[in-house]
């Protein structure tokens, strides 16, 4: 691993993390980050409650958001920009659909 991060990664406490795909429109990225923040909070709450089903659901949501942001999955810098943006929009649609299902319960 290089000592200095490049434009694809950043380093925190010696651990390398993938950056968000800069091609994602800011409104989409902001919505995905919002879902990710809420998902992280849901993970915390599920752990405290010992609720394995809720934990799995929250982790699934986090994974969708991280994939949508380009922080997981195929390396965004090696893929066509149109595909990356479409994937981000699709992840946001999936997350919004999960929210709609939760509200209807």
PDB file of N, CA and C in Angstrom:
ATOM      1  N   UNK A   1       0.857  -1.182   0.000  1.00  0.00           N
ATOM      2  CA  UNK A   1       0.000   0.000   0.000  1.00  0.00           C
ATOM      3  C   UNK A   1       0.894   1.232   0.000  1.00  0.00           C
ATOM      4  N   UNK A   2       0.608   2.223  -0.846  1.00  0.00           N
ATOM      5  CA  UNK A   2       1.436   3.418  -0.874  1.00  0.00           C
ATOM      6  C   UNK A   2       1.335   4.194   0.441  1.00  0.00           C
ATOM      7  N   UNK A   3       2.385   4.901   0.786  1.00  0.00           N
ATOM      8  CA  UNK A   3       2.398   5.681   2.021  1.00  0.00           C
ATOM      9  C   UNK A   3       1.414   6.849   1.955  1.00  0.00           C
ATOM     10  N   UNK A   4       1.253   7.424   0.775  1.00  0.00           N
ATOM     11  CA  UNK A   4       0.348   8.558   0.590  1.00  0.00           C
ATOM     12  C   UNK A   4      -0.898   8.107  -0.175  1.00  0.00           C
ATOM     13  N   UNK A   5      -2.067   8.603   0.205  1.00  0.00           N
ATOM     14  CA  UNK A   5      -3.271   8.246  -0.553  1.00  0.00           C
ATOM     15  C   UNK A   5      -3.246   8.880  -1.942  1.00  0.00           C
ATOM     16  N   UNK A   6      -3.915   8.237  -2.883  1.00  0.00           N
ATOM     17  CA  UNK A   6      -4.055   8.839  -4.214  1.00  0.00           C
ATOM     18  C   UNK A   6      -5.473   9.385  -4.336  1.00  0.00           C
ATOM     19  N   UNK A   7      -5.877   9.724  -5.536  1.00  0.00           N
ATOM     20  CA  UNK A   7      -7.203  10.319  -5.686  1.00  0.00           C
ATOM     21  C   UNK A   7      -8.342   9.309  -5.610  1.00  0.00           C
ATOM     22  N   UNK A   8      -8.027   8.038  -5.445  1.00  0.00           N
ATOM     23  CA  UNK A   8      -9.061   7.009  -5.310  1.00  0.00           C
ATOM     24  C   UNK A   8      -9.291   6.604  -3.857  1.00  0.00           C
ATOM     25  N   UNK A   9      -8.371   6.940  -2.991  1.00  0.00           N
ATOM     26  CA  UNK A   9      -8.425   6.507  -1.597  1.00  0.00           C
ATOM     27  C   UNK A   9      -8.055   7.644  -0.658  1.00  0.00           C
ATOM     28  N   UNK A  10      -8.428   7.488   0.613  1.00  0.00           N
ATOM     29  CA  UNK A  10      -7.927   8.356   1.664  1.00  0.00           C
ATOM     30  C   UNK A  10      -7.551   7.452   2.831  1.00  0.00           C
ATOM     31  N   UNK A  11      -6.711   7.945   3.724  1.00  0.00           N
ATOM     32  CA  UNK A  11      -6.213   7.140   4.836  1.00  0.00           C
ATOM     33  C   UNK A  11      -6.615   7.797   6.143  1.00  0.00           C
ATOM     34  N   UNK A  12      -7.164   6.990   7.052  1.00  0.00           N
ATOM     35  CA  UNK A  12      -7.510   7.435   8.398  1.00  0.00           C
ATOM     36  C   UNK A  12      -6.919   6.425   9.364  1.00  0.00           C
ATOM     37  N   UNK A  13      -6.099   6.896  10.286  1.00  0.00           N
ATOM     38  CA  UNK A  13      -5.464   6.032  11.283  1.00  0.00           C
ATOM     39  C   UNK A  13      -4.788   4.834  10.635  1.00  0.00           C
ATOM     40  N   UNK A  14      -4.133   5.072   9.513  1.00  0.00           N
ATOM     41  CA  UNK A  14      -3.393   4.020   8.834  1.00  0.00           C
ATOM     42  C   UNK A  14      -4.240   3.064   8.013  1.00  0.00           C
ATOM     43  N   UNK A  15      -5.543   3.264   7.992  1.00  0.00           N
ATOM     44  CA  UNK A  15      -6.431   2.398   7.217  1.00  0.00           C
ATOM     45  C   UNK A  15      -6.880   3.128   5.958  1.00  0.00           C
ATOM     46  N   UNK A  16      -6.809   2.438   4.844  1.00  0.00           N
ATOM     47  CA  UNK A  16      -7.155   3.030   3.556  1.00  0.00           C
ATOM     48  C   UNK A  16      -8.630   2.780   3.245  1.00  0.00           C
ATOM     49  N   UNK A  17      -9.299   3.840   2.822  1.00  0.00           N
ATOM     50  CA  UNK A  17     -10.717   3.793   2.475  1.00  0.00           C
ATOM     51  C   UNK A  17     -10.893   4.315   1.059  1.00  0.00           C
ATOM     52  N   UNK A  18     -11.825   3.729   0.329  1.00  0.00           N
ATOM     53  CA  UNK A  18     -12.111   4.189  -1.022  1.00  0.00           C
ATOM     54  C   UNK A  18     -12.939   5.472  -0.981  1.00  0.00           C
ATOM     55  N   UNK A  19     -12.575   6.419  -1.809  1.00  0.00           N
ATOM     56  CA  UNK A  19     -13.324   7.672  -1.904  1.00  0.00           C
ATOM     57  C   UNK A  19     -14.644   7.453  -2.647  1.00  0.00           C
ATOM     58  N   UNK A  20     -15.570   8.350  -2.399  1.00  0.00           N
ATOM     59  CA  UNK A  20     -16.824   8.383  -3.146  1.00  0.00           C
ATOM     60  C   UNK A  20     -16.523   8.742  -4.595  1.00  0.00           C
ATOM     61  N   UNK A  21     -17.250   8.137  -5.494  1.00  0.00           N
ATOM     62  CA  UNK A  21     -17.088   8.403  -6.925  1.00  0.00           C
ATOM     63  C   UNK A  21     -17.432   9.872  -7.201  1.00  0.00           C
ATOM     64  N   UNK A  22     -16.480  10.647  -7.716  1.00  0.00           N
ATOM     65  CA  UNK A  22     -16.755  12.068  -7.965  1.00  0.00           C
ATOM     66  C   UNK A  22     -17.718  12.324  -9.124  1.00  0.00           C
ATOM     67  N   UNK A  23     -18.027  11.316  -9.912  1.00  0.00           N
ATOM     68  CA  UNK A  23     -18.953  11.506 -11.042  1.00  0.00           C
ATOM     69  C   UNK A  23     -20.413  11.511 -10.602  1.00  0.00           C
ATOM     70  N   UNK A  24     -20.684  11.043  -9.399  1.00  0.00           N
ATOM     71  CA  UNK A  24     -22.073  10.968  -8.933  1.00  0.00           C
ATOM     72  C   UNK A  24     -22.576  12.385  -8.679  1.00  0.00           C
ATOM     73  N   UNK A  25     -23.735  12.738  -9.256  1.00  0.00           N
ATOM     74  CA  UNK A  25     -24.290  14.076  -9.018  1.00  0.00           C
ATOM     75  C   UNK A  25     -24.462  14.331  -7.518  1.00  0.00           C
ATOM     76  N   UNK A  26     -24.204  15.552  -7.094  1.00  0.00           N
ATOM     77  CA  UNK A  26     -24.203  15.867  -5.659  1.00  0.00           C
ATOM     78  C   UNK A  26     -25.540  15.567  -4.990  1.00  0.00           C
ATOM     79  N   UNK A  27     -26.663  15.801  -5.670  1.00  0.00           N
ATOM     80  CA  UNK A  27     -27.955  15.516  -5.041  1.00  0.00           C
ATOM     81  C   UNK A  27     -28.118  14.026  -4.768  1.00  0.00           C
ATOM     82  N   UNK A  28     -27.653  13.197  -5.685  1.00  0.00           N
ATOM     83  CA  UNK A  28     -27.732  11.738  -5.507  1.00  0.00           C
ATOM     84  C   UNK A  28     -26.774  11.305  -4.403  1.00  0.00           C
ATOM     85  N   UNK A  29     -25.553  11.826  -4.439  1.00  0.00           N
ATOM     86  CA  UNK A  29     -24.562  11.474  -3.418  1.00  0.00           C
ATOM     87  C   UNK A  29     -25.047  11.888  -2.028  1.00  0.00           C
ATOM     88  N   UNK A  30     -25.634  13.077  -1.917  1.00  0.00           N
ATOM     89  CA  UNK A  30     -26.137  13.550  -0.622  1.00  0.00           C
ATOM     90  C   UNK A  30     -27.250  12.639  -0.109  1.00  0.00           C
ATOM     91  N   UNK A  31     -28.146  12.225  -0.982  1.00  0.00           N
ATOM     92  CA  UNK A  31     -29.230  11.324  -0.571  1.00  0.00           C
ATOM     93  C   UNK A  31     -28.673   9.966  -0.144  1.00  0.00           C
ATOM     94  N   UNK A  32     -27.672   9.463  -0.867  1.00  0.00           N
ATOM     95  CA  UNK A  32     -27.045   8.190  -0.495  1.00  0.00           C
ATOM     96  C   UNK A  32     -26.325   8.319   0.847  1.00  0.00           C
ATOM     97  N   UNK A  33     -25.648   9.443   1.080  1.00  0.00           N
ATOM     98  CA  UNK A  33     -24.979   9.656   2.374  1.00  0.00           C
ATOM     99  C   UNK A  33     -26.000   9.727   3.503  1.00  0.00           C
ATOM    100  N   UNK A  34     -27.151  10.323   3.231  1.00  0.00           N
ATOM    101  CA  UNK A  34     -28.209  10.377   4.238  1.00  0.00           C
ATOM    102  C   UNK A  34     -28.680   8.970   4.599  1.00  0.00           C
ATOM    103  N   UNK A  35     -28.902   8.146   3.579  1.00  0.00           N
ATOM    104  CA  UNK A  35     -29.288   6.756   3.832  1.00  0.00           C
ATOM    105  C   UNK A  35     -28.193   6.031   4.618  1.00  0.00           C
ATOM    106  N   UNK A  36     -26.946   6.287   4.270  1.00  0.00           N
ATOM    107  CA  UNK A  36     -25.831   5.634   4.955  1.00  0.00           C
ATOM    108  C   UNK A  36     -25.778   6.049   6.421  1.00  0.00           C
ATOM    109  N   UNK A  37     -25.959   7.321   6.690  1.00  0.00           N
ATOM    110  CA  UNK A  37     -25.952   7.794   8.077  1.00  0.00           C
ATOM    111  C   UNK A  37     -27.074   7.176   8.893  1.00  0.00           C
ATOM    112  N   UNK A  38     -28.256   7.123   8.303  1.00  0.00           N
ATOM    113  CA  UNK A  38     -29.390   6.500   9.005  1.00  0.00           C
ATOM    114  C   UNK A  38     -29.149   5.010   9.192  1.00  0.00           C
ATOM    115  N   UNK A  39     -28.521   4.377   8.190  1.00  0.00           N
ATOM    116  CA  UNK A  39     -28.205   2.954   8.294  1.00  0.00           C
ATOM    117  C   UNK A  39     -27.201   2.676   9.396  1.00  0.00           C
ATOM    118  N   UNK A  40     -26.205   3.541   9.517  1.00  0.00           N
ATOM    119  CA  UNK A  40     -25.208   3.369  10.583  1.00  0.00           C
ATOM    120  C   UNK A  40     -25.866   3.494  11.951  1.00  0.00           C
ATOM    121  N   UNK A  41     -26.791   4.440  12.074  1.00  0.00           N
ATOM    122  CA  UNK A  41     -27.519   4.584  13.322  1.00  0.00           C
ATOM    123  C   UNK A  41     -28.364   3.336  13.600  1.00  0.00           C
ATOM    124  N   UNK A  42     -28.980   2.784  12.575  1.00  0.00           N
ATOM    125  CA  UNK A  42     -29.799   1.571  12.742  1.00  0.00           C
ATOM    126  C   UNK A  42     -28.941   0.386  13.156  1.00  0.00           C
ATOM    127  N   UNK A  43     -27.708   0.303  12.654  1.00  0.00           N
ATOM    128  CA  UNK A  43     -26.793  -0.772  13.079  1.00  0.00           C
ATOM    129  C   UNK A  43     -26.538  -0.651  14.576  1.00  0.00           C
ATOM    130  N   UNK A  44     -26.250   0.568  15.023  1.00  0.00           N
ATOM    131  CA  UNK A  44     -25.988   0.796  16.448  1.00  0.00           C
ATOM    132  C   UNK A  44     -27.176   0.374  17.312  1.00  0.00           C
ATOM    133  N   UNK A  45     -28.354   0.809  16.891  1.00  0.00           N
ATOM    134  CA  UNK A  45     -29.564   0.484  17.659  1.00  0.00           C
ATOM    135  C   UNK A  45     -29.833  -1.014  17.669  1.00  0.00           C
ATOM    136  N   UNK A  46     -29.649  -1.679  16.543  1.00  0.00           N
ATOM    137  CA  UNK A  46     -29.897  -3.120  16.461  1.00  0.00           C
ATOM    138  C   UNK A  46     -28.903  -3.886  17.328  1.00  0.00           C
ATOM    139  N   UNK A  47     -27.662  -3.440  17.344  1.00  0.00           N
ATOM    140  CA  UNK A  47     -26.663  -4.097  18.204  1.00  0.00           C
ATOM    141  C   UNK A  47     -27.055  -3.963  19.667  1.00  0.00           C
ATOM    142  N   UNK A  48     -27.429  -2.749  20.060  1.00  0.00           N
ATOM    143  CA  UNK A  48     -27.833  -2.524  21.462  1.00  0.00           C
ATOM    144  C   UNK A  48     -29.013  -3.406  21.845  1.00  0.00           C
ATOM    145  N   UNK A  49     -29.948  -3.555  20.923  1.00  0.00           N
ATOM    146  CA  UNK A  49     -31.154  -4.337  21.201  1.00  0.00           C
ATOM    147  C   UNK A  49     -30.917  -5.839  21.035  1.00  0.00           C
ATOM    148  N   UNK A  50     -29.790  -6.215  20.437  1.00  0.00           N
ATOM    149  CA  UNK A  50     -29.531  -7.634  20.179  1.00  0.00           C
ATOM    150  C   UNK A  50     -30.455  -8.203  19.113  1.00  0.00           C
ATOM    151  N   UNK A  51     -30.916  -7.367  18.209  1.00  0.00           N
ATOM    152  CA  UNK A  51     -31.868  -7.765  17.168  1.00  0.00           C
ATOM    153  C   UNK A  51     -31.104  -8.112  15.884  1.00  0.00           C
ATOM    154  N   UNK A  52     -30.875  -9.394  15.664  1.00  0.00           N
ATOM    155  CA  UNK A  52     -30.085  -9.853  14.516  1.00  0.00           C
ATOM    156  C   UNK A  52     -30.766  -9.558  13.176  1.00  0.00           C
ATOM    157  N   UNK A  53     -32.083  -9.652  13.132  1.00  0.00           N
ATOM    158  CA  UNK A  53     -32.799  -9.353  11.884  1.00  0.00           C
ATOM    159  C   UNK A  53     -32.666  -7.879  11.517  1.00  0.00           C
ATOM    160  N   UNK A  54     -32.837  -7.015  12.509  1.00  0.00           N
ATOM    161  CA  UNK A  54     -32.687  -5.580  12.265  1.00  0.00           C
ATOM    162  C   UNK A  54     -31.243  -5.246  11.891  1.00  0.00           C
ATOM    163  N   UNK A  55     -30.289  -5.930  12.500  1.00  0.00           N
ATOM    164  CA  UNK A  55     -28.881  -5.707  12.184  1.00  0.00           C
ATOM    165  C   UNK A  55     -28.587  -6.091  10.736  1.00  0.00           C
ATOM    166  N   UNK A  56     -29.105  -7.231  10.319  1.00  0.00           N
ATOM    167  CA  UNK A  56     -28.897  -7.669   8.931  1.00  0.00           C
ATOM    168  C   UNK A  56     -29.534  -6.690   7.945  1.00  0.00           C
ATOM    169  N   UNK A  57     -30.734  -6.206   8.267  1.00  0.00           N
ATOM    170  CA  UNK A  57     -31.417  -5.253   7.388  1.00  0.00           C
ATOM    171  C   UNK A  57     -30.636  -3.939   7.302  1.00  0.00           C
ATOM    172  N   UNK A  58     -30.136  -3.463   8.435  1.00  0.00           N
ATOM    173  CA  UNK A  58     -29.374  -2.213   8.450  1.00  0.00           C
ATOM    174  C   UNK A  58     -28.070  -2.365   7.676  1.00  0.00           C
ATOM    175  N   UNK A  59     -27.418  -3.484   7.832  1.00  0.00           N
ATOM    176  CA  UNK A  59     -26.171  -3.718   7.085  1.00  0.00           C
ATOM    177  C   UNK A  59     -26.438  -3.821   5.584  1.00  0.00           C
ATOM    178  N   UNK A  60     -27.554  -4.409   5.222  1.00  0.00           N
ATOM    179  CA  UNK A  60     -27.927  -4.478   3.806  1.00  0.00           C
ATOM    180  C   UNK A  60     -28.101  -3.071   3.235  1.00  0.00           C
ATOM    181  N   UNK A  61     -28.796  -2.221   3.975  1.00  0.00           N
ATOM    182  CA  UNK A  61     -28.996  -0.834   3.539  1.00  0.00           C
ATOM    183  C   UNK A  61     -27.660  -0.104   3.412  1.00  0.00           C
ATOM    184  N   UNK A  62     -26.786  -0.305   4.387  1.00  0.00           N
ATOM    185  CA  UNK A  62     -25.467   0.332   4.325  1.00  0.00           C
ATOM    186  C   UNK A  62     -24.709  -0.137   3.093  1.00  0.00           C
ATOM    187  N   UNK A  63     -24.793  -1.415   2.791  1.00  0.00           N
ATOM    188  CA  UNK A  63     -24.122  -1.949   1.616  1.00  0.00           C
ATOM    189  C   UNK A  63     -24.649  -1.329   0.338  1.00  0.00           C
ATOM    190  N   UNK A  64     -25.972  -1.177   0.247  1.00  0.00           N
ATOM    191  CA  UNK A  64     -26.563  -0.525  -0.932  1.00  0.00           C
ATOM    192  C   UNK A  64     -26.040   0.904  -1.080  1.00  0.00           C
ATOM    193  N   UNK A  65     -26.012   1.629   0.030  1.00  0.00           N
ATOM    194  CA  UNK A  65     -25.543   3.013  -0.018  1.00  0.00           C
ATOM    195  C   UNK A  65     -24.067   3.081  -0.395  1.00  0.00           C
ATOM    196  N   UNK A  66     -23.246   2.228   0.210  1.00  0.00           N
ATOM    197  CA  UNK A  66     -21.805   2.234  -0.083  1.00  0.00           C
ATOM    198  C   UNK A  66     -21.541   1.848  -1.541  1.00  0.00           C
ATOM    199  N   UNK A  67     -22.277   0.870  -2.053  1.00  0.00           N
ATOM    200  CA  UNK A  67     -22.131   0.510  -3.469  1.00  0.00           C
ATOM    201  C   UNK A  67     -22.559   1.680  -4.358  1.00  0.00           C
ATOM    202  N   UNK A  68     -23.670   2.313  -4.005  1.00  0.00           N
ATOM    203  CA  UNK A  68     -24.154   3.445  -4.788  1.00  0.00           C
ATOM    204  C   UNK A  68     -23.152   4.587  -4.830  1.00  0.00           C
ATOM    205  N   UNK A  69     -22.455   4.802  -3.729  1.00  0.00           N
ATOM    206  CA  UNK A  69     -21.447   5.855  -3.660  1.00  0.00           C
ATOM    207  C   UNK A  69     -20.138   5.468  -4.344  1.00  0.00           C
ATOM    208  N   UNK A  70     -20.024   4.190  -4.716  1.00  0.00           N
ATOM    209  CA  UNK A  70     -18.795   3.722  -5.347  1.00  0.00           C
ATOM    210  C   UNK A  70     -17.727   3.325  -4.344  1.00  0.00           C
ATOM    211  N   UNK A  71     -18.089   3.283  -3.077  1.00  0.00           N
ATOM    212  CA  UNK A  71     -17.121   2.960  -2.026  1.00  0.00           C
ATOM    213  C   UNK A  71     -16.944   1.464  -1.833  1.00  0.00           C
ATOM    214  N   UNK A  72     -17.799   0.690  -2.450  1.00  0.00           N
ATOM    215  CA  UNK A  72     -17.682  -0.771  -2.465  1.00  0.00           C
ATOM    216  C   UNK A  72     -17.995  -1.243  -3.876  1.00  0.00           C
ATOM    217  N   UNK A  73     -17.696  -2.506  -4.131  1.00  0.00           N
ATOM    218  CA  UNK A  73     -17.991  -3.072  -5.442  1.00  0.00           C
ATOM    219  C   UNK A  73     -16.862  -2.802  -6.413  1.00  0.00           C
ATOM    220  N   UNK A  74     -17.172  -2.863  -7.698  1.00  0.00           N
ATOM    221  CA  UNK A  74     -16.142  -2.647  -8.723  1.00  0.00           C
ATOM    222  C   UNK A  74     -15.497  -1.267  -8.563  1.00  0.00           C
ATOM    223  N   UNK A  75     -14.226  -1.176  -8.861  1.00  0.00           N
ATOM    224  CA  UNK A  75     -13.518   0.102  -8.770  1.00  0.00           C
ATOM    225  C   UNK A  75     -14.142   1.100  -9.735  1.00  0.00           C
ATOM    226  N   UNK A  76     -14.639   2.214  -9.226  1.00  0.00           N
ATOM    227  CA  UNK A  76     -15.358   3.164 -10.065  1.00  0.00           C
ATOM    228  C   UNK A  76     -14.468   3.762 -11.147  1.00  0.00           C
ATOM    229  N   UNK A  77     -13.203   3.930 -10.889  1.00  0.00           N
ATOM    230  CA  UNK A  77     -12.312   4.585 -11.858  1.00  0.00           C
ATOM    231  C   UNK A  77     -12.017   3.726 -13.074  1.00  0.00           C
ATOM    232  N   UNK A  78     -12.405   2.467 -13.032  1.00  0.00           N
ATOM    233  CA  UNK A  78     -12.166   1.596 -14.185  1.00  0.00           C
ATOM    234  C   UNK A  78     -13.442   1.330 -14.981  1.00  0.00           C
ATOM    235  N   UNK A  79     -14.535   2.023 -14.623  1.00  0.00           N
ATOM    236  CA  UNK A  79     -15.819   1.805 -15.287  1.00  0.00           C
ATOM    237  C   UNK A  79     -16.287   3.068 -15.994  1.00  0.00           C
ATOM    238  N   UNK A  80     -17.120   2.916 -17.022  1.00  0.00           N
ATOM    239  CA  UNK A  80     -17.662   4.104 -17.715  1.00  0.00           C
ATOM    240  C   UNK A  80     -18.506   4.951 -16.763  1.00  0.00           C
ATOM    241  N   UNK A  81     -18.369   6.250 -16.876  1.00  0.00           N
ATOM    242  CA  UNK A  81     -19.075   7.174 -15.982  1.00  0.00           C
ATOM    243  C   UNK A  81     -20.585   6.984 -16.030  1.00  0.00           C
ATOM    244  N   UNK A  82     -21.151   6.790 -17.208  1.00  0.00           N
ATOM    245  CA  UNK A  82     -22.609   6.625 -17.325  1.00  0.00           C
ATOM    246  C   UNK A  82     -23.087   5.409 -16.532  1.00  0.00           C
ATOM    247  N   UNK A  83     -22.331   4.330 -16.545  1.00  0.00           N
ATOM    248  CA  UNK A  83     -22.692   3.132 -15.783  1.00  0.00           C
ATOM    249  C   UNK A  83     -22.644   3.403 -14.287  1.00  0.00           C
ATOM    250  N   UNK A  84     -21.624   4.133 -13.867  1.00  0.00           N
ATOM    251  CA  UNK A  84     -21.466   4.444 -12.438  1.00  0.00           C
ATOM    252  C   UNK A  84     -22.612   5.312 -11.933  1.00  0.00           C
ATOM    253  N   UNK A  85     -22.968   6.305 -12.703  1.00  0.00           N
ATOM    254  CA  UNK A  85     -24.063   7.198 -12.307  1.00  0.00           C
ATOM    255  C   UNK A  85     -25.389   6.424 -12.293  1.00  0.00           C
ATOM    256  N   UNK A  86     -25.593   5.570 -13.285  1.00  0.00           N
ATOM    257  CA  UNK A  86     -26.811   4.749 -13.318  1.00  0.00           C
ATOM    258  C   UNK A  86     -26.876   3.832 -12.101  1.00  0.00           C
ATOM    259  N   UNK A  87     -25.756   3.249 -11.720  1.00  0.00           N
ATOM    260  CA  UNK A  87     -25.717   2.389 -10.529  1.00  0.00           C
ATOM    261  C   UNK A  87     -26.058   3.174  -9.266  1.00  0.00           C
ATOM    262  N   UNK A  88     -25.544   4.393  -9.167  1.00  0.00           N
ATOM    263  CA  UNK A  88     -25.826   5.228  -8.002  1.00  0.00           C
ATOM    264  C   UNK A  88     -27.322   5.560  -7.932  1.00  0.00           C
ATOM    265  N   UNK A  89     -27.893   5.931  -9.062  1.00  0.00           N
ATOM    266  CA  UNK A  89     -29.332   6.255  -9.090  1.00  0.00           C
ATOM    267  C   UNK A  89     -30.184   5.032  -8.751  1.00  0.00           C
ATOM    268  N   UNK A  90     -29.769   3.861  -9.249  1.00  0.00           N
ATOM    269  CA  UNK A  90     -30.491   2.621  -8.961  1.00  0.00           C
ATOM    270  C   UNK A  90     -30.407   2.279  -7.463  1.00  0.00           C
ATOM    271  N   UNK A  91     -29.229   2.454  -6.864  1.00  0.00           N
ATOM    272  CA  UNK A  91     -29.077   2.199  -5.427  1.00  0.00           C
ATOM    273  C   UNK A  91     -29.983   3.123  -4.625  1.00  0.00           C
ATOM    274  N   UNK A  92     -30.062   4.390  -5.034  1.00  0.00           N
ATOM    275  CA  UNK A  92     -30.933   5.346  -4.342  1.00  0.00           C
ATOM    276  C   UNK A  92     -32.397   4.943  -4.485  1.00  0.00           C
ATOM    277  N   UNK A  93     -32.793   4.529  -5.667  1.00  0.00           N
ATOM    278  CA  UNK A  93     -34.174   4.057  -5.864  1.00  0.00           C
ATOM    279  C   UNK A  93     -34.470   2.855  -4.970  1.00  0.00           C
ATOM    280  N   UNK A  94     -33.522   1.922  -4.875  1.00  0.00           N
ATOM    281  CA  UNK A  94     -33.708   0.738  -4.028  1.00  0.00           C
ATOM    282  C   UNK A  94     -33.842   1.138  -2.560  1.00  0.00           C
ATOM    283  N   UNK A  95     -33.010   2.064  -2.118  1.00  0.00           N
ATOM    284  CA  UNK A  95     -33.075   2.515  -0.725  1.00  0.00           C
ATOM    285  C   UNK A  95     -34.368   3.263  -0.441  1.00  0.00           C
ATOM    286  N   UNK A  96     -34.782   4.117  -1.372  1.00  0.00           N
ATOM    287  CA  UNK A  96     -36.057   4.829  -1.198  1.00  0.00           C
ATOM    288  C   UNK A  96     -37.230   3.844  -1.158  1.00  0.00           C
ATOM    289  N   UNK A  97     -37.151   2.789  -1.967  1.00  0.00           N
ATOM    290  CA  UNK A  97     -38.214   1.768  -1.961  1.00  0.00           C
ATOM    291  C   UNK A  97     -38.248   1.039  -0.622  1.00  0.00           C
ATOM    292  N   UNK A  98     -37.087   0.749  -0.050  1.00  0.00           N
ATOM    293  CA  UNK A  98     -37.054   0.112   1.272  1.00  0.00           C
ATOM    294  C   UNK A  98     -37.671   1.026   2.322  1.00  0.00           C
ATOM    295  N   UNK A  99     -37.388   2.327   2.237  1.00  0.00           N
ATOM    296  CA  UNK A  99     -38.009   3.282   3.165  1.00  0.00           C
ATOM    297  C   UNK A  99     -39.526   3.283   3.024  1.00  0.00           C
ATOM    298  N   UNK A 100     -40.009   3.236   1.788  1.00  0.00           N
ATOM    299  CA  UNK A 100     -41.456   3.227   1.558  1.00  0.00           C
ATOM    300  C   UNK A 100     -42.088   1.972   2.151  1.00  0.00           C
ATOM    301  N   UNK A 101     -41.404   0.835   2.013  1.00  0.00           N
ATOM    302  CA  UNK A 101     -41.913  -0.405   2.613  1.00  0.00           C
ATOM    303  C   UNK A 101     -41.967  -0.307   4.130  1.00  0.00           C
ATOM    304  N   UNK A 102     -40.941   0.281   4.728  1.00  0.00           N
ATOM    305  CA  UNK A 102     -40.888   0.433   6.185  1.00  0.00           C
ATOM    306  C   UNK A 102     -42.028   1.315   6.674  1.00  0.00           C
ATOM    307  N   UNK A 103     -42.347   2.362   5.914  1.00  0.00           N
ATOM    308  CA  UNK A 103     -43.414   3.266   6.323  1.00  0.00           C
ATOM    309  C   UNK A 103     -44.801   2.618   6.212  1.00  0.00           C
ATOM    310  N   UNK A 104     -44.921   1.628   5.316  1.00  0.00           N
ATOM    311  CA  UNK A 104     -46.224   1.001   5.107  1.00  0.00           C
ATOM    312  C   UNK A 104     -46.499  -0.118   6.119  1.00  0.00           C
ATOM    313  N   UNK A 105     -45.472  -0.500   6.882  1.00  0.00           N
ATOM    314  CA  UNK A 105     -45.660  -1.584   7.881  1.00  0.00           C
ATOM    315  C   UNK A 105     -46.449  -1.131   9.080  1.00  0.00           C
TER     316      UNK A 105
END
